[in-house]
Amino acid sequence: MLAAMAAFPVPDSPQDLPLFRTLPLPECAEVLGRNSVGRIAFSLHDDVSIVPVHYVYTDGWVYGRTASPGRLRDIVGNRRIAFEVDEHNEPMQCRSVVVHGPLYIIRPESTERTGTIYRNVLAALRRLIASVHSESDPIPFRDQVFRIRAEEIAGRGSLPVRGRRLFAKDPDRVPN
């Protein structure tokens, strides 16, 4: 991807810059739903970390798994995280969605309620990798299951303008 970006010519004028827009919530949900790799960002003890994870997005929840004991285990004291997904179709055509909300580590043995949640999370993850937490699991060391409640969702996108003018001929006038 970086090689493709390097080959993209730098615009000569502001009229040739990409067009940025805010994604409506349904489009944010589509981006979350059609992708499977994202990043969890969190702050802990004056240190900021970003962890890439595989995930599934369903009904306002991000479900995923990681290796335990992993960094996510330390988040439990301050569950607030940011989760980000992006996708690129071509240089200067991309979408990025950020989710804010609490992260919950799901343990199957805690209570009947968390056992049910755990089974639901596994069912969701098995849409991504059918053998999750089975004998044929390709990454069995990723045994820590989590979910993130998508309390806030925001997205941005960009489109290349391909030489079209975005601004009025009067350089002091900004379009609506």
Protein backbone atom coordinates (compact mmCIF):
# COMPACT_ATOMS: atom_id res chain seq x y z
CA MET A 1 0.00 0.00 0.00
CA LEU A 2 2.82 2.43 0.80
CA ALA A 3 4.34 1.88 -2.62
CA ALA A 4 1.02 2.76 -4.23
CA MET A 5 0.77 5.89 -2.09
CA ALA A 6 4.30 6.95 -3.07
CA ALA A 7 3.38 6.63 -6.75
CA PHE A 8 0.35 8.92 -6.33
CA PRO A 9 1.27 12.41 -7.57
CA VAL A 10 1.20 15.21 -5.03
CA PRO A 11 -1.49 17.74 -5.99
CA ASP A 12 -0.21 21.02 -7.42
CA SER A 13 -3.04 23.08 -5.98
CA PRO A 14 -5.73 22.91 -3.27
CA GLN A 15 -8.28 22.37 -6.04
CA ASP A 16 -6.82 18.91 -6.64
CA LEU A 17 -6.76 17.70 -3.02
CA PRO A 18 -8.91 14.71 -2.05
CA LEU A 19 -12.45 15.29 -0.87
CA PHE A 20 -12.99 14.34 2.79
CA ARG A 21 -16.38 13.60 4.28
CA THR A 22 -18.00 12.34 7.47
CA LEU A 23 -19.46 8.86 7.09
CA PRO A 24 -23.10 8.43 8.16
CA LEU A 25 -23.69 5.82 10.88
CA PRO A 26 -25.10 3.15 8.48
CA GLU A 27 -21.95 3.42 6.33
CA CYS A 28 -19.77 3.15 9.46
CA ALA A 29 -21.62 -0.06 10.37
CA GLU A 30 -21.03 -1.39 6.83
CA VAL A 31 -17.28 -0.71 7.09
CA LEU A 32 -17.14 -2.43 10.48
CA GLY A 33 -19.18 -5.36 9.17
CA ARG A 34 -17.19 -6.09 6.02
CA ASN A 35 -13.73 -6.00 7.63
CA SER A 36 -12.06 -8.37 10.07
CA VAL A 37 -8.84 -6.68 11.24
CA GLY A 38 -8.80 -3.63 13.49
CA ARG A 39 -6.73 -2.00 16.21
CA ILE A 40 -7.49 -1.46 19.87
CA ALA A 41 -5.91 1.65 21.39
CA PHE A 42 -5.70 2.11 25.13
CA SER A 43 -3.78 4.02 27.77
CA LEU A 44 -2.31 2.32 30.79
CA HIS A 45 0.17 3.66 33.33
CA ASP A 46 1.13 6.70 31.21
CA ASP A 47 1.74 4.48 28.19
CA VAL A 48 -0.41 4.33 25.07
CA SER A 49 -0.62 1.03 23.20
CA ILE A 50 -2.21 -0.13 19.97
CA VAL A 51 -2.96 -3.83 19.49
CA PRO A 52 -4.04 -5.29 16.13
CA VAL A 53 -6.80 -7.90 16.42
CA HIS A 54 -9.12 -9.98 14.27
CA TYR A 55 -12.73 -9.15 15.01
CA VAL A 56 -16.37 -9.55 14.06
CA TYR A 57 -18.88 -6.68 14.35
CA THR A 58 -22.48 -7.57 15.18
CA ASP A 59 -25.37 -5.55 16.60
CA GLY A 60 -23.29 -2.76 18.14
CA TRP A 61 -20.58 -5.06 19.54
CA VAL A 62 -17.02 -5.78 18.41
CA TYR A 63 -16.06 -9.37 19.27
CA GLY A 64 -12.49 -10.64 19.18
CA ARG A 65 -9.82 -12.73 20.81
CA THR A 66 -6.18 -12.42 21.73
CA ALA A 67 -3.50 -14.36 23.58
CA SER A 68 -3.69 -14.47 27.37
CA PRO A 69 -2.10 -13.26 29.43
CA GLY A 70 -1.95 -10.38 27.02
CA ARG A 71 -2.01 -6.62 27.19
CA LEU A 72 -5.80 -6.48 27.09
CA ARG A 73 -5.98 -8.21 30.46
CA ASP A 74 -4.49 -5.06 32.00
CA ILE A 75 -7.25 -2.84 30.58
CA VAL A 76 -9.95 -4.20 32.87
CA GLY A 77 -9.30 -1.46 35.46
CA ASN A 78 -10.04 1.25 32.85
CA ARG A 79 -12.23 -0.40 30.24
CA ARG A 80 -12.43 2.68 27.99
CA ILE A 81 -10.72 2.03 24.67
CA ALA A 82 -10.75 3.17 21.07
CA PHE A 83 -11.10 0.63 18.28
CA GLU A 84 -10.23 1.60 14.70
CA VAL A 85 -10.78 -0.03 11.32
CA ASP A 86 -9.80 1.34 7.96
CA GLU A 87 -10.03 0.24 4.38
CA HIS A 88 -8.43 1.47 1.17
CA ASN A 89 -9.69 0.96 -2.37
CA GLU A 90 -7.02 2.98 -4.15
CA PRO A 91 -4.69 5.82 -3.25
CA MET A 92 -6.64 8.69 -1.71
CA GLN A 93 -9.86 6.63 -1.55
CA CYS A 94 -10.30 5.30 1.97
CA ARG A 95 -12.65 5.01 4.92
CA SER A 96 -11.82 4.92 8.62
CA VAL A 97 -14.18 4.13 11.49
CA VAL A 98 -13.41 4.67 15.17
CA VAL A 99 -15.43 3.05 17.95
CA HIS A 100 -15.25 4.22 21.56
CA GLY A 101 -16.57 2.12 24.40
CA PRO A 102 -15.75 -0.30 27.18
CA LEU A 103 -13.87 -3.54 26.63
CA TYR A 104 -14.97 -6.65 28.52
CA ILE A 105 -12.90 -9.81 28.92
CA ILE A 106 -15.26 -12.78 28.64
CA ARG A 107 -14.58 -15.84 30.76
CA PRO A 108 -16.71 -18.94 30.15
CA GLU A 109 -16.72 -20.17 33.74
CA SER A 110 -17.71 -17.00 35.63
CA THR A 111 -21.53 -17.14 35.73
CA GLU A 112 -24.38 -18.55 33.70
CA ARG A 113 -24.86 -15.14 32.08
CA THR A 114 -21.19 -14.78 31.07
CA GLY A 115 -21.20 -18.39 29.89
CA THR A 116 -24.04 -17.50 27.53
CA ILE A 117 -22.21 -14.36 26.40
CA TYR A 118 -19.06 -16.45 25.87
CA ARG A 119 -20.92 -18.93 23.65
CA ASN A 120 -22.46 -16.04 21.67
CA VAL A 121 -19.02 -14.47 21.18
CA LEU A 122 -17.59 -17.79 19.99
CA ALA A 123 -20.50 -18.20 17.55
CA ALA A 124 -19.77 -14.74 16.14
CA LEU A 125 -16.03 -15.43 15.88
CA ARG A 126 -16.71 -18.72 14.11
CA ARG A 127 -18.20 -16.75 11.24
CA LEU A 128 -14.63 -15.48 10.73
CA ILE A 129 -12.69 -18.67 11.57
CA ALA A 130 -14.90 -21.74 11.78
CA SER A 131 -12.54 -23.67 14.07
CA VAL A 132 -12.12 -21.03 16.82
CA HIS A 133 -11.45 -22.74 20.19
CA SER A 134 -11.54 -26.23 18.71
CA GLU A 135 -8.93 -28.94 18.15
CA SER A 136 -8.23 -27.60 14.63
CA ASP A 137 -7.95 -23.91 15.65
CA PRO A 138 -5.09 -22.46 13.52
CA ILE A 139 -4.13 -20.02 16.31
CA PRO A 140 -5.02 -21.83 19.56
CA PHE A 141 -2.88 -19.52 21.71
CA ARG A 142 -5.40 -16.75 21.13
CA ASP A 143 -7.57 -18.01 23.93
CA GLN A 144 -8.72 -14.72 25.53
CA VAL A 145 -12.16 -13.68 24.26
CA PHE A 146 -13.34 -10.08 24.52
CA ARG A 147 -16.09 -7.77 23.38
CA ILE A 148 -16.35 -4.01 23.01
CA ARG A 149 -19.63 -2.15 23.30
CA ALA A 150 -19.77 0.42 20.49
CA GLU A 151 -21.05 3.39 22.49
CA GLU A 152 -19.73 5.97 20.02
CA ILE A 153 -19.06 5.38 16.33
CA ALA A 154 -17.59 7.95 13.96
CA GLY A 155 -16.15 7.63 10.49
CA ARG A 156 -14.40 9.63 7.81
CA GLY A 157 -13.76 8.93 4.17
CA SER A 158 -11.86 10.45 1.29
CA LEU A 159 -12.23 10.37 -2.47
CA PRO A 160 -9.70 11.39 -5.11
CA VAL A 161 -11.02 14.32 -7.11
CA ARG A 162 -9.15 13.44 -10.33
CA GLY A 163 -8.60 17.03 -11.36
CA ARG A 164 -12.11 18.25 -10.58
CA ARG A 165 -12.30 21.63 -8.90
CA LEU A 166 -13.68 21.50 -5.38
CA PHE A 167 -13.59 25.24 -4.84
CA ALA A 168 -15.38 28.06 -6.55
CA LYS A 169 -13.38 30.15 -9.01
CA ASP A 170 -13.24 32.83 -6.31
CA PRO A 171 -10.42 31.47 -4.07
CA ASP A 172 -11.81 33.33 -1.03
CA ARG A 173 -15.19 31.58 -1.27
CA VAL A 174 -15.44 28.16 0.38
CA PRO A 175 -18.15 25.85 -0.99
CA ASN A 176 -20.92 24.50 1.26
